[in-house]
mmCIF file of all heavy atoms, coordinates in Angstrom:
data_MODEL
# 
_entry.id   MODEL 
# 
loop_
_atom_site.group_PDB 
_atom_site.id 
_atom_site.type_symbol 
_atom_site.label_atom_id 
_atom_site.label_alt_id 
_atom_site.label_comp_id 
_atom_site.label_asym_id 
_atom_site.label_entity_id 
_atom_site.label_seq_id 
_atom_site.pdbx_PDB_ins_code 
_atom_site.Cartn_x 
_atom_site.Cartn_y 
_atom_site.Cartn_z 
_atom_site.occupancy 
_atom_site.B_iso_or_equiv 
_atom_site.pdbx_formal_charge 
_atom_site.auth_seq_id 
_atom_site.auth_comp_id 
_atom_site.auth_asym_id 
_atom_site.auth_atom_id 
_atom_site.pdbx_PDB_model_num 
ATOM 1   N N   . ARG A 1 1  ? 83.310  84.830 143.507 1.00 0.00 ? 1  ARG A N   1 
ATOM 2   C CA  . ARG A 1 1  ? 82.254  83.829 143.359 1.00 0.00 ? 1  ARG A CA  1 
ATOM 3   C C   . ARG A 1 1  ? 81.540  83.551 144.679 1.00 0.00 ? 1  ARG A C   1 
ATOM 4   O O   . ARG A 1 1  ? 80.662  82.700 144.746 1.00 0.00 ? 1  ARG A O   1 
ATOM 5   C CB  . ARG A 1 1  ? 82.841  82.522 142.821 1.00 0.00 ? 1  ARG A CB  1 
ATOM 6   C CG  . ARG A 1 1  ? 83.362  82.620 141.397 1.00 0.00 ? 1  ARG A CG  1 
ATOM 7   C CD  . ARG A 1 1  ? 83.694  81.243 140.836 1.00 0.00 ? 1  ARG A CD  1 
ATOM 8   N NE  . ARG A 1 1  ? 84.569  80.457 141.688 1.00 0.00 ? 1  ARG A NE  1 
ATOM 9   C CZ  . ARG A 1 1  ? 85.878  80.259 141.481 1.00 0.00 ? 1  ARG A CZ  1 
ATOM 10  N NH1 . ARG A 1 1  ? 86.466  80.815 140.445 1.00 0.00 ? 1  ARG A NH1 1 
ATOM 11  N NH2 . ARG A 1 1  ? 86.575  79.503 142.300 1.00 0.00 ? 1  ARG A NH2 1 
ATOM 12  N N   . GLY A 1 2  ? 81.958  84.234 145.749 1.00 0.00 ? 2  GLY A N   1 
ATOM 13  C CA  . GLY A 1 2  ? 81.306  84.065 147.037 1.00 0.00 ? 2  GLY A CA  1 
ATOM 14  C C   . GLY A 1 2  ? 81.995  83.109 147.989 1.00 0.00 ? 2  GLY A C   1 
ATOM 15  O O   . GLY A 1 2  ? 81.520  82.881 149.089 1.00 0.00 ? 2  GLY A O   1 
ATOM 16  N N   . GLU A 1 3  ? 83.123  82.547 147.572 1.00 0.00 ? 3  GLU A N   1 
ATOM 17  C CA  . GLU A 1 3  ? 83.860  81.645 148.457 1.00 0.00 ? 3  GLU A CA  1 
ATOM 18  C C   . GLU A 1 3  ? 84.644  82.459 149.484 1.00 0.00 ? 3  GLU A C   1 
ATOM 19  O O   . GLU A 1 3  ? 85.103  83.557 149.194 1.00 0.00 ? 3  GLU A O   1 
ATOM 20  C CB  . GLU A 1 3  ? 84.827  80.773 147.652 1.00 0.00 ? 3  GLU A CB  1 
ATOM 21  C CG  . GLU A 1 3  ? 84.138  79.814 146.707 1.00 0.00 ? 3  GLU A CG  1 
ATOM 22  C CD  . GLU A 1 3  ? 85.121  78.963 145.934 1.00 0.00 ? 3  GLU A CD  1 
ATOM 23  O OE1 . GLU A 1 3  ? 86.177  78.599 146.493 1.00 0.00 ? 3  GLU A OE1 1 
ATOM 24  O OE2 . GLU A 1 3  ? 84.840  78.662 144.765 1.00 0.00 ? 3  GLU A OE2 1 
ATOM 25  N N   . ILE A 1 4  ? 84.801  81.900 150.670 1.00 0.00 ? 4  ILE A N   1 
ATOM 26  C CA  . ILE A 1 4  ? 85.525  82.585 151.733 1.00 0.00 ? 4  ILE A CA  1 
ATOM 27  C C   . ILE A 1 4  ? 86.949  82.046 151.796 1.00 0.00 ? 4  ILE A C   1 
ATOM 28  O O   . ILE A 1 4  ? 87.161  80.838 151.862 1.00 0.00 ? 4  ILE A O   1 
ATOM 29  C CB  . ILE A 1 4  ? 84.829  82.381 153.091 1.00 0.00 ? 4  ILE A CB  1 
ATOM 30  C CG1 . ILE A 1 4  ? 83.431  83.006 153.046 1.00 0.00 ? 4  ILE A CG1 1 
ATOM 31  C CG2 . ILE A 1 4  ? 85.649  82.977 154.225 1.00 0.00 ? 4  ILE A CG2 1 
ATOM 32  C CD1 . ILE A 1 4  ? 82.606  82.738 154.279 1.00 0.00 ? 4  ILE A CD1 1 
ATOM 33  N N   . ALA A 1 5  ? 87.902  82.945 151.783 1.00 0.00 ? 5  ALA A N   1 
ATOM 34  C CA  . ALA A 1 5  ? 89.311  82.566 151.889 1.00 0.00 ? 5  ALA A CA  1 
ATOM 35  C C   . ALA A 1 5  ? 89.802  82.911 153.288 1.00 0.00 ? 5  ALA A C   1 
ATOM 36  O O   . ALA A 1 5  ? 89.801  84.069 153.680 1.00 0.00 ? 5  ALA A O   1 
ATOM 37  C CB  . ALA A 1 5  ? 90.136  83.310 150.846 1.00 0.00 ? 5  ALA A CB  1 
ATOM 38  N N   . THR A 1 6  ? 90.199  81.900 154.031 1.00 0.00 ? 6  THR A N   1 
ATOM 39  C CA  . THR A 1 6  ? 90.733  82.132 155.369 1.00 0.00 ? 6  THR A CA  1 
ATOM 40  C C   . THR A 1 6  ? 92.251  82.209 155.306 1.00 0.00 ? 6  THR A C   1 
ATOM 41  O O   . THR A 1 6  ? 92.874  81.708 154.352 1.00 0.00 ? 6  THR A O   1 
ATOM 42  C CB  . THR A 1 6  ? 90.333  81.000 156.323 1.00 0.00 ? 6  THR A CB  1 
ATOM 43  O OG1 . THR A 1 6  ? 90.928  79.779 155.864 1.00 0.00 ? 6  THR A OG1 1 
ATOM 44  C CG2 . THR A 1 6  ? 88.822  80.839 156.410 1.00 0.00 ? 6  THR A CG2 1 
ATOM 45  N N   . VAL A 1 7  ? 92.832  82.820 156.311 1.00 0.00 ? 7  VAL A N   1 
ATOM 46  C CA  . VAL A 1 7  ? 94.291  82.905 156.370 1.00 0.00 ? 7  VAL A CA  1 
ATOM 47  C C   . VAL A 1 7  ? 94.893  81.506 156.442 1.00 0.00 ? 7  VAL A C   1 
ATOM 48  O O   . VAL A 1 7  ? 95.930  81.232 155.834 1.00 0.00 ? 7  VAL A O   1 
ATOM 49  C CB  . VAL A 1 7  ? 94.737  83.771 157.566 1.00 0.00 ? 7  VAL A CB  1 
ATOM 50  C CG1 . VAL A 1 7  ? 96.241  83.696 157.762 1.00 0.00 ? 7  VAL A CG1 1 
ATOM 51  C CG2 . VAL A 1 7  ? 94.312  85.206 157.357 1.00 0.00 ? 7  VAL A CG2 1 
ATOM 52  N N   . ALA A 1 8  ? 94.224  80.603 157.156 1.00 0.00 ? 8  ALA A N   1 
ATOM 53  C CA  . ALA A 1 8  ? 94.723  79.225 157.269 1.00 0.00 ? 8  ALA A CA  1 
ATOM 54  C C   . ALA A 1 8  ? 94.803  78.553 155.896 1.00 0.00 ? 8  ALA A C   1 
ATOM 55  O O   . ALA A 1 8  ? 95.788  77.870 155.582 1.00 0.00 ? 8  ALA A O   1 
ATOM 56  C CB  . ALA A 1 8  ? 93.839  78.420 158.210 1.00 0.00 ? 8  ALA A CB  1 
ATOM 57  N N   . LYS A 1 9  ? 93.785  78.740 155.073 1.00 0.00 ? 9  LYS A N   1 
ATOM 58  C CA  . LYS A 1 9  ? 93.774  78.145 153.732 1.00 0.00 ? 9  LYS A CA  1 
ATOM 59  C C   . LYS A 1 9  ? 94.822  78.796 152.840 1.00 0.00 ? 9  LYS A C   1 
ATOM 60  O O   . LYS A 1 9  ? 95.525  78.115 152.090 1.00 0.00 ? 9  LYS A O   1 
ATOM 61  C CB  . LYS A 1 9  ? 92.373  78.285 153.109 1.00 0.00 ? 9  LYS A CB  1 
ATOM 62  C CG  . LYS A 1 9  ? 92.276  77.758 151.694 1.00 0.00 ? 9  LYS A CG  1 
ATOM 63  C CD  . LYS A 1 9  ? 92.564  76.272 151.600 1.00 0.00 ? 9  LYS A CD  1 
ATOM 64  C CE  . LYS A 1 9  ? 92.371  75.801 150.160 1.00 0.00 ? 9  LYS A CE  1 
ATOM 65  N NZ  . LYS A 1 9  ? 93.146  74.619 149.864 1.00 0.00 ? 9  LYS A NZ  1 
ATOM 66  N N   . ILE A 1 10 ? 94.935  80.112 152.914 1.00 0.00 ? 10 ILE A N   1 
ATOM 67  C CA  . ILE A 1 10 ? 95.945  80.816 152.121 1.00 0.00 ? 10 ILE A CA  1 
ATOM 68  C C   . ILE A 1 10 ? 97.338  80.357 152.530 1.00 0.00 ? 10 ILE A C   1 
ATOM 69  O O   . ILE A 1 10 ? 98.200  80.101 151.687 1.00 0.00 ? 10 ILE A O   1 
ATOM 70  C CB  . ILE A 1 10 ? 95.787  82.342 152.266 1.00 0.00 ? 10 ILE A CB  1 
ATOM 71  C CG1 . ILE A 1 10 ? 94.448  82.785 151.677 1.00 0.00 ? 10 ILE A CG1 1 
ATOM 72  C CG2 . ILE A 1 10 ? 96.940  83.073 151.592 1.00 0.00 ? 10 ILE A CG2 1 
ATOM 73  C CD1 . ILE A 1 10 ? 94.091  84.229 151.947 1.00 0.00 ? 10 ILE A CD1 1 
ATOM 74  N N   . LYS A 1 11 ? 97.562  80.220 153.832 1.00 0.00 ? 11 LYS A N   1 
ATOM 75  C CA  . LYS A 1 11 ? 98.859  79.756 154.341 1.00 0.00 ? 11 LYS A CA  1 
ATOM 76  C C   . LYS A 1 11 ? 99.160  78.348 153.844 1.00 0.00 ? 11 LYS A C   1 
ATOM 77  O O   . LYS A 1 11 ? 100.272 78.054 153.393 1.00 0.00 ? 11 LYS A O   1 
ATOM 78  C CB  . LYS A 1 11 ? 98.869  79.796 155.869 1.00 0.00 ? 11 LYS A CB  1 
ATOM 79  C CG  . LYS A 1 11 ? 100.172 79.359 156.508 1.00 0.00 ? 11 LYS A CG  1 
ATOM 80  C CD  . LYS A 1 11 ? 100.084 79.484 158.027 1.00 0.00 ? 11 LYS A CD  1 
ATOM 81  C CE  . LYS A 1 11 ? 101.367 79.122 158.715 1.00 0.00 ? 11 LYS A CE  1 
ATOM 82  N NZ  . LYS A 1 11 ? 101.722 77.734 158.675 1.00 0.00 ? 11 LYS A NZ  1 
ATOM 83  N N   . GLU A 1 12 ? 98.185  77.477 153.895 1.00 0.00 ? 12 GLU A N   1 
ATOM 84  C CA  . GLU A 1 12 ? 98.355  76.094 153.428 1.00 0.00 ? 12 GLU A CA  1 
ATOM 85  C C   . GLU A 1 12 ? 98.756  76.059 151.955 1.00 0.00 ? 12 GLU A C   1 
ATOM 86  O O   . GLU A 1 12 ? 99.709  75.373 151.568 1.00 0.00 ? 12 GLU A O   1 
ATOM 87  C CB  . GLU A 1 12 ? 97.051  75.330 153.643 1.00 0.00 ? 12 GLU A CB  1 
ATOM 88  C CG  . GLU A 1 12 ? 97.074  73.894 153.193 1.00 0.00 ? 12 GLU A CG  1 
ATOM 89  C CD  . GLU A 1 12 ? 95.705  73.243 153.341 1.00 0.00 ? 12 GLU A CD  1 
ATOM 90  O OE1 . GLU A 1 12 ? 95.018  73.521 154.340 1.00 0.00 ? 12 GLU A OE1 1 
ATOM 91  O OE2 . GLU A 1 12 ? 95.334  72.466 152.450 1.00 0.00 ? 12 GLU A OE2 1 
ATOM 92  N N   . ASP A 1 13 ? 98.037  76.807 151.126 1.00 0.00 ? 13 ASP A N   1 
ATOM 93  C CA  . ASP A 1 13 ? 98.340  76.840 149.687 1.00 0.00 ? 13 ASP A CA  1 
ATOM 94  C C   . ASP A 1 13 ? 99.694  77.495 149.414 1.00 0.00 ? 13 ASP A C   1 
ATOM 95  O O   . ASP A 1 13 ? 100.435 77.068 148.523 1.00 0.00 ? 13 ASP A O   1 
ATOM 96  C CB  . ASP A 1 13 ? 97.239  77.575 148.923 1.00 0.00 ? 13 ASP A CB  1 
ATOM 97  C CG  . ASP A 1 13 ? 95.942  76.785 148.870 1.00 0.00 ? 13 ASP A CG  1 
ATOM 98  O OD1 . ASP A 1 13 ? 95.916  75.633 149.367 1.00 0.00 ? 13 ASP A OD1 1 
ATOM 99  O OD2 . ASP A 1 13 ? 94.957  77.324 148.350 1.00 0.00 ? 13 ASP A OD2 1 
ATOM 100 N N   . TYR A 1 14 ? 100.016 78.512 150.174 1.00 0.00 ? 14 TYR A N   1 
ATOM 101 C CA  . TYR A 1 14 ? 101.296 79.211 150.008 1.00 0.00 ? 14 TYR A CA  1 
ATOM 102 C C   . TYR A 1 14 ? 102.452 78.263 150.342 1.00 0.00 ? 14 TYR A C   1 
ATOM 103 O O   . TYR A 1 14 ? 103.456 78.220 149.618 1.00 0.00 ? 14 TYR A O   1 
ATOM 104 C CB  . TYR A 1 14 ? 101.330 80.447 150.907 1.00 0.00 ? 14 TYR A CB  1 
ATOM 105 C CG  . TYR A 1 14 ? 102.504 81.365 150.662 1.00 0.00 ? 14 TYR A CG  1 
ATOM 106 C CD1 . TYR A 1 14 ? 102.478 82.306 149.635 1.00 0.00 ? 14 TYR A CD1 1 
ATOM 107 C CD2 . TYR A 1 14 ? 103.639 81.319 151.457 1.00 0.00 ? 14 TYR A CD2 1 
ATOM 108 C CE1 . TYR A 1 14 ? 103.535 83.157 149.409 1.00 0.00 ? 14 TYR A CE1 1 
ATOM 109 C CE2 . TYR A 1 14 ? 104.707 82.169 151.243 1.00 0.00 ? 14 TYR A CE2 1 
ATOM 110 C CZ  . TYR A 1 14 ? 104.654 83.082 150.219 1.00 0.00 ? 14 TYR A CZ  1 
ATOM 111 O OH  . TYR A 1 14 ? 105.711 83.927 150.000 1.00 0.00 ? 14 TYR A OH  1 
ATOM 112 N N   . GLU A 1 15 ? 102.308 77.513 151.414 1.00 0.00 ? 15 GLU A N   1 
ATOM 113 C CA  . GLU A 1 15 ? 103.355 76.573 151.805 1.00 0.00 ? 15 GLU A CA  1 
ATOM 114 C C   . GLU A 1 15 ? 103.549 75.484 150.755 1.00 0.00 ? 15 GLU A C   1 
ATOM 115 O O   . GLU A 1 15 ? 104.679 75.076 150.487 1.00 0.00 ? 15 GLU A O   1 
ATOM 116 C CB  . GLU A 1 15 ? 103.030 75.954 153.167 1.00 0.00 ? 15 GLU A CB  1 
ATOM 117 C CG  . GLU A 1 15 ? 103.194 76.933 154.304 1.00 0.00 ? 15 GLU A CG  1 
ATOM 118 C CD  . GLU A 1 15 ? 102.758 76.385 155.646 1.00 0.00 ? 15 GLU A CD  1 
ATOM 119 O OE1 . GLU A 1 15 ? 101.977 75.406 155.686 1.00 0.00 ? 15 GLU A OE1 1 
ATOM 120 O OE2 . GLU A 1 15 ? 103.198 76.954 156.658 1.00 0.00 ? 15 GLU A OE2 1 
ATOM 121 N N   . LYS A 1 16 ? 102.472 75.036 150.145 1.00 0.00 ? 16 LYS A N   1 
ATOM 122 C CA  . LYS A 1 16 ? 102.583 74.052 149.059 1.00 0.00 ? 16 LYS A CA  1 
ATOM 123 C C   . LYS A 1 16 ? 103.345 74.660 147.879 1.00 0.00 ? 16 LYS A C   1 
ATOM 124 O O   . LYS A 1 16 ? 104.168 73.988 147.261 1.00 0.00 ? 16 LYS A O   1 
ATOM 125 C CB  . LYS A 1 16 ? 101.203 73.599 148.597 1.00 0.00 ? 16 LYS A CB  1 
ATOM 126 C CG  . LYS A 1 16 ? 100.511 72.665 149.553 1.00 0.00 ? 16 LYS A CG  1 
ATOM 127 C CD  . LYS A 1 16 ? 99.129  72.293 149.032 1.00 0.00 ? 16 LYS A CD  1 
ATOM 128 C CE  . LYS A 1 16 ? 98.347  71.489 150.056 1.00 0.00 ? 16 LYS A CE  1 
ATOM 129 N NZ  . LYS A 1 16 ? 96.963  71.241 149.623 1.00 0.00 ? 16 LYS A NZ  1 
ATOM 130 N N   . LEU A 1 17 ? 103.062 75.919 147.602 1.00 0.00 ? 17 LEU A N   1 
ATOM 131 C CA  . LEU A 1 17 ? 103.700 76.588 146.470 1.00 0.00 ? 17 LEU A CA  1 
ATOM 132 C C   . LEU A 1 17 ? 105.200 76.780 146.681 1.00 0.00 ? 17 LEU A C   1 
ATOM 133 O O   . LEU A 1 17 ? 105.992 76.518 145.780 1.00 0.00 ? 17 LEU A O   1 
ATOM 134 C CB  . LEU A 1 17 ? 103.023 77.942 146.217 1.00 0.00 ? 17 LEU A CB  1 
ATOM 135 C CG  . LEU A 1 17 ? 103.537 78.760 145.044 1.00 0.00 ? 17 LEU A CG  1 
ATOM 136 C CD1 . LEU A 1 17 ? 103.304 78.026 143.728 1.00 0.00 ? 17 LEU A CD1 1 
ATOM 137 C CD2 . LEU A 1 17 ? 102.849 80.117 145.019 1.00 0.00 ? 17 LEU A CD2 1 
ATOM 138 N N   . VAL A 1 18 ? 105.594 77.225 147.873 1.00 0.00 ? 18 VAL A N   1 
ATOM 139 C CA  . VAL A 1 18 ? 107.016 77.497 148.121 1.00 0.00 ? 18 VAL A CA  1 
ATOM 140 C C   . VAL A 1 18 ? 107.786 76.273 148.603 1.00 0.00 ? 18 VAL A C   1 
ATOM 141 O O   . VAL A 1 18 ? 109.012 76.284 148.636 1.00 0.00 ? 18 VAL A O   1 
ATOM 142 C CB  . VAL A 1 18 ? 107.218 78.676 149.103 1.00 0.00 ? 18 VAL A CB  1 
ATOM 143 C CG1 . VAL A 1 18 ? 106.627 79.947 148.545 1.00 0.00 ? 18 VAL A CG1 1 
ATOM 144 C CG2 . VAL A 1 18 ? 106.678 78.372 150.480 1.00 0.00 ? 18 VAL A CG2 1 
ATOM 145 N N   . GLY A 1 19 ? 107.060 75.218 149.006 1.00 0.00 ? 19 GLY A N   1 
ATOM 146 C CA  . GLY A 1 19 ? 107.721 73.985 149.389 1.00 0.00 ? 19 GLY A CA  1 
ATOM 147 C C   . GLY A 1 19 ? 108.303 73.962 150.787 1.00 0.00 ? 19 GLY A C   1 
ATOM 148 O O   . GLY A 1 19 ? 109.183 73.156 151.072 1.00 0.00 ? 19 GLY A O   1 
ATOM 149 N N   . GLN A 1 20 ? 107.833 74.841 151.652 1.00 0.00 ? 20 GLN A N   1 
ATOM 150 C CA  . GLN A 1 20 ? 108.275 74.828 153.047 1.00 0.00 ? 20 GLN A CA  1 
ATOM 151 C C   . GLN A 1 20 ? 107.252 75.540 153.910 1.00 0.00 ? 20 GLN A C   1 
ATOM 152 O O   . GLN A 1 20 ? 106.388 76.243 153.408 1.00 0.00 ? 20 GLN A O   1 
ATOM 153 C CB  . GLN A 1 20 ? 109.647 75.477 153.202 1.00 0.00 ? 20 GLN A CB  1 
ATOM 154 C CG  . GLN A 1 20 ? 109.705 76.951 152.830 1.00 0.00 ? 20 GLN A CG  1 
ATOM 155 C CD  . GLN A 1 20 ? 111.122 77.486 152.870 1.00 0.00 ? 20 GLN A CD  1 
ATOM 156 O OE1 . GLN A 1 20 ? 112.027 76.830 152.374 1.00 0.00 ? 20 GLN A OE1 1 
ATOM 157 N NE2 . GLN A 1 20 ? 111.313 78.626 153.447 1.00 0.00 ? 20 GLN A NE2 1 
ATOM 158 N N   . THR A 1 21 ? 107.364 75.340 155.224 1.00 0.00 ? 21 THR A N   1 
ATOM 159 C CA  . THR A 1 21 ? 106.429 75.998 156.130 1.00 0.00 ? 21 THR A CA  1 
ATOM 160 C C   . THR A 1 21 ? 106.839 77.455 156.318 1.00 0.00 ? 21 THR A C   1 
ATOM 161 O O   . THR A 1 21 ? 108.028 77.791 156.257 1.00 0.00 ? 21 THR A O   1 
ATOM 162 C CB  . THR A 1 21 ? 106.381 75.286 157.499 1.00 0.00 ? 21 THR A CB  1 
ATOM 163 O OG1 . THR A 1 21 ? 107.690 75.310 158.074 1.00 0.00 ? 21 THR A OG1 1 
ATOM 164 C CG2 . THR A 1 21 ? 105.908 73.866 157.373 1.00 0.00 ? 21 THR A CG2 1 
ATOM 165 N N   . VAL A 1 22 ? 105.851 78.289 156.513 1.00 0.00 ? 22 VAL A N   1 
ATOM 166 C CA  . VAL A 1 22 ? 106.094 79.710 156.763 1.00 0.00 ? 22 VAL A CA  1 
ATOM 167 C C   . VAL A 1 22 ? 105.291 80.130 157.983 1.00 0.00 ? 22 VAL A C   1 
ATOM 168 O O   . VAL A 1 22 ? 104.285 79.497 158.328 1.00 0.00 ? 22 VAL A O   1 
ATOM 169 C CB  . VAL A 1 22 ? 105.713 80.596 155.552 1.00 0.00 ? 22 VAL A CB  1 
ATOM 170 C CG1 . VAL A 1 22 ? 106.555 80.251 154.341 1.00 0.00 ? 22 VAL A CG1 1 
ATOM 171 C CG2 . VAL A 1 22 ? 104.246 80.470 155.212 1.00 0.00 ? 22 VAL A CG2 1 
ATOM 172 N N   . HIS A 1 23 ? 105.725 81.185 158.632 1.00 0.00 ? 23 HIS A N   1 
ATOM 173 C CA  . HIS A 1 23 ? 105.003 81.701 159.789 1.00 0.00 ? 23 HIS A CA  1 
ATOM 174 C C   . HIS A 1 23 ? 103.763 82.443 159.307 1.00 0.00 ? 23 HIS A C   1 
ATOM 175 O O   . HIS A 1 23 ? 103.734 82.988 158.199 1.00 0.00 ? 23 HIS A O   1 
ATOM 176 C CB  . HIS A 1 23 ? 105.906 82.626 160.597 1.00 0.00 ? 23 HIS A CB  1 
ATOM 177 C CG  . HIS A 1 23 ? 105.396 82.905 161.969 1.00 0.00 ? 23 HIS A CG  1 
ATOM 178 N ND1 . HIS A 1 23 ? 104.548 83.946 162.230 1.00 0.00 ? 23 HIS A ND1 1 
ATOM 179 C CD2 . HIS A 1 23 ? 105.588 82.273 163.138 1.00 0.00 ? 23 HIS A CD2 1 
ATOM 180 C CE1 . HIS A 1 23 ? 104.243 83.944 163.521 1.00 0.00 ? 23 HIS A CE1 1 
ATOM 181 N NE2 . HIS A 1 23 ? 104.877 82.936 164.095 1.00 0.00 ? 23 HIS A NE2 1 
ATOM 182 N N   . LYS A 1 24 ? 102.728 82.462 160.149 1.00 0.00 ? 24 LYS A N   1 
ATOM 183 C CA  . LYS A 1 24 ? 101.477 83.110 159.743 1.00 0.00 ? 24 LYS A CA  1 
ATOM 184 C C   . LYS A 1 24 ? 101.666 84.603 159.462 1.00 0.00 ? 24 LYS A C   1 
ATOM 185 O O   . LYS A 1 24 ? 100.939 85.171 158.648 1.00 0.00 ? 24 LYS A O   1 
ATOM 186 C CB  . LYS A 1 24 ? 100.398 82.899 160.795 1.00 0.00 ? 24 LYS A CB  1 
ATOM 187 C CG  . LYS A 1 24 ? 100.669 83.559 162.122 1.00 0.00 ? 24 LYS A CG  1 
ATOM 188 C CD  . LYS A 1 24 ? 99.554  83.283 163.102 1.00 0.00 ? 24 LYS A CD  1 
ATOM 189 C CE  . LYS A 1 24 ? 99.901  83.887 164.458 1.00 0.00 ? 24 LYS A CE  1 
ATOM 190 N NZ  . LYS A 1 24 ? 98.886  83.595 165.445 1.00 0.00 ? 24 LYS A NZ  1 
ATOM 191 N N   . THR A 1 25 ? 102.664 85.237 160.079 1.00 0.00 ? 25 THR A N   1 
ATOM 192 C CA  . THR A 1 25 ? 102.890 86.659 159.801 1.00 0.00 ? 25 THR A CA  1 
ATOM 193 C C   . THR A 1 25 ? 103.337 86.882 158.360 1.00 0.00 ? 25 THR A C   1 
ATOM 194 O O   . THR A 1 25 ? 103.115 87.958 157.805 1.00 0.00 ? 25 THR A O   1 
ATOM 195 C CB  . THR A 1 25 ? 103.920 87.274 160.769 1.00 0.00 ? 25 THR A CB  1 
ATOM 196 O OG1 . THR A 1 25 ? 105.140 86.533 160.689 1.00 0.00 ? 25 THR A OG1 1 
ATOM 197 C CG2 . THR A 1 25 ? 103.409 87.271 162.194 1.00 0.00 ? 25 THR A CG2 1 
ATOM 198 N N   . THR A 1 26 ? 103.954 85.871 157.758 1.00 0.00 ? 26 THR A N   1 
ATOM 199 C CA  . THR A 1 26 ? 104.321 85.974 156.339 1.00 0.00 ? 26 THR A CA  1 
ATOM 200 C C   . THR A 1 26 ? 103.074 86.177 155.497 1.00 0.00 ? 26 THR A C   1 
ATOM 201 O O   . THR A 1 26 ? 103.051 86.997 154.571 1.00 0.00 ? 26 THR A O   1 
ATOM 202 C CB  . THR A 1 26 ? 105.063 84.700 155.890 1.00 0.00 ? 26 THR A CB  1 
ATOM 203 O OG1 . THR A 1 26 ? 106.242 84.545 156.684 1.00 0.00 ? 26 THR A OG1 1 
ATOM 204 C CG2 . THR A 1 26 ? 105.435 84.759 154.424 1.00 0.00 ? 26 THR A CG2 1 
ATOM 205 N N   . ILE A 1 27 ? 102.011 85.476 155.829 1.00 0.00 ? 27 ILE A N   1 
ATOM 206 C CA  . ILE A 1 27 ? 100.763 85.573 155.071 1.00 0.00 ? 27 ILE A CA  1 
ATOM 207 C C   . ILE A 1 27 ? 100.104 86.928 155.333 1.00 0.00 ? 27 ILE A C   1 
ATOM 208 O O   . ILE A 1 27 ? 99.601  87.571 154.408 1.00 0.00 ? 27 ILE A O   1 
ATOM 209 C CB  . ILE A 1 27 ? 99.811  84.419 155.428 1.00 0.00 ? 27 ILE A CB  1 
ATOM 210 C CG1 . ILE A 1 27 ? 100.505 83.071 155.204 1.00 0.00 ? 27 ILE A CG1 1 
ATOM 211 C CG2 . ILE A 1 27 ? 98.513  84.521 154.647 1.00 0.00 ? 27 ILE A CG2 1 
ATOM 212 C CD1 . ILE A 1 27 ? 101.062 82.864 153.815 1.00 0.00 ? 27 ILE A CD1 1 
ATOM 213 N N   . TYR A 1 28 ? 100.114 87.384 156.588 1.00 0.00 ? 28 TYR A N   1 
ATOM 214 C CA  . TYR A 1 28 ? 99.520  88.678 156.893 1.00 0.00 ? 28 TYR A CA  1 
ATOM 215 C C   . TYR A 1 28 ? 100.249 89.802 156.161 1.00 0.00 ? 28 TYR A C   1 
ATOM 216 O O   . TYR A 1 28 ? 99.627  90.734 155.650 1.00 0.00 ? 28 TYR A O   1 
ATOM 217 C CB  . TYR A 1 28 ? 99.517  88.929 158.396 1.00 0.00 ? 28 TYR A CB  1 
ATOM 218 C CG  . TYR A 1 28 ? 98.443  88.139 159.118 1.00 0.00 ? 28 TYR A CG  1 
ATOM 219 C CD1 . TYR A 1 28 ? 98.780  87.119 159.990 1.00 0.00 ? 28 TYR A CD1 1 
ATOM 220 C CD2 . TYR A 1 28 ? 97.097  88.416 158.915 1.00 0.00 ? 28 TYR A CD2 1 
ATOM 221 C CE1 . TYR A 1 28 ? 97.806  86.380 160.637 1.00 0.00 ? 28 TYR A CE1 1 
ATOM 222 C CE2 . TYR A 1 28 ? 96.120  87.686 159.557 1.00 0.00 ? 28 TYR A CE2 1 
ATOM 223 C CZ  . TYR A 1 28 ? 96.466  86.675 160.422 1.00 0.00 ? 28 TYR A CZ  1 
ATOM 224 O OH  . TYR A 1 28 ? 95.496  85.952 161.051 1.00 0.00 ? 28 TYR A OH  1 
ATOM 225 N N   . ARG A 1 29 ? 101.568 89.716 156.058 1.00 0.00 ? 29 ARG A N   1 
ATOM 226 C CA  . ARG A 1 29 ? 102.330 90.733 155.304 1.00 0.00 ? 29 ARG A CA  1 
ATOM 227 C C   . ARG A 1 29 ? 102.010 90.649 153.822 1.00 0.00 ? 29 ARG A C   1 
ATOM 228 O O   . ARG A 1 29 ? 101.931 91.647 153.124 1.00 0.00 ? 29 ARG A O   1 
ATOM 229 C CB  . ARG A 1 29 ? 103.833 90.568 155.537 1.00 0.00 ? 29 ARG A CB  1 
ATOM 230 C CG  . ARG A 1 29 ? 104.299 91.089 156.879 1.00 0.00 ? 29 ARG A CG  1 
ATOM 231 C CD  . ARG A 1 29 ? 105.805 91.181 156.950 1.00 0.00 ? 29 ARG A CD  1 
ATOM 232 N NE  . ARG A 1 29 ? 106.459 89.912 156.684 1.00 0.00 ? 29 ARG A NE  1 
ATOM 233 C CZ  . ARG A 1 29 ? 106.805 89.008 157.599 1.00 0.00 ? 29 ARG A CZ  1 
ATOM 234 N NH1 . ARG A 1 29 ? 106.550 89.251 158.865 1.00 0.00 ? 29 ARG A NH1 1 
ATOM 235 N NH2 . ARG A 1 29 ? 107.417 87.907 157.263 1.00 0.00 ? 29 ARG A NH2 1 
# 
């Protein structure tokens, strides 16, 4: 739809989903 997804936003949503903080390399992998 043209929205931009940043790693920071993906990381934020991922952490909410798993219920804990993760390192940024987790998102890159």
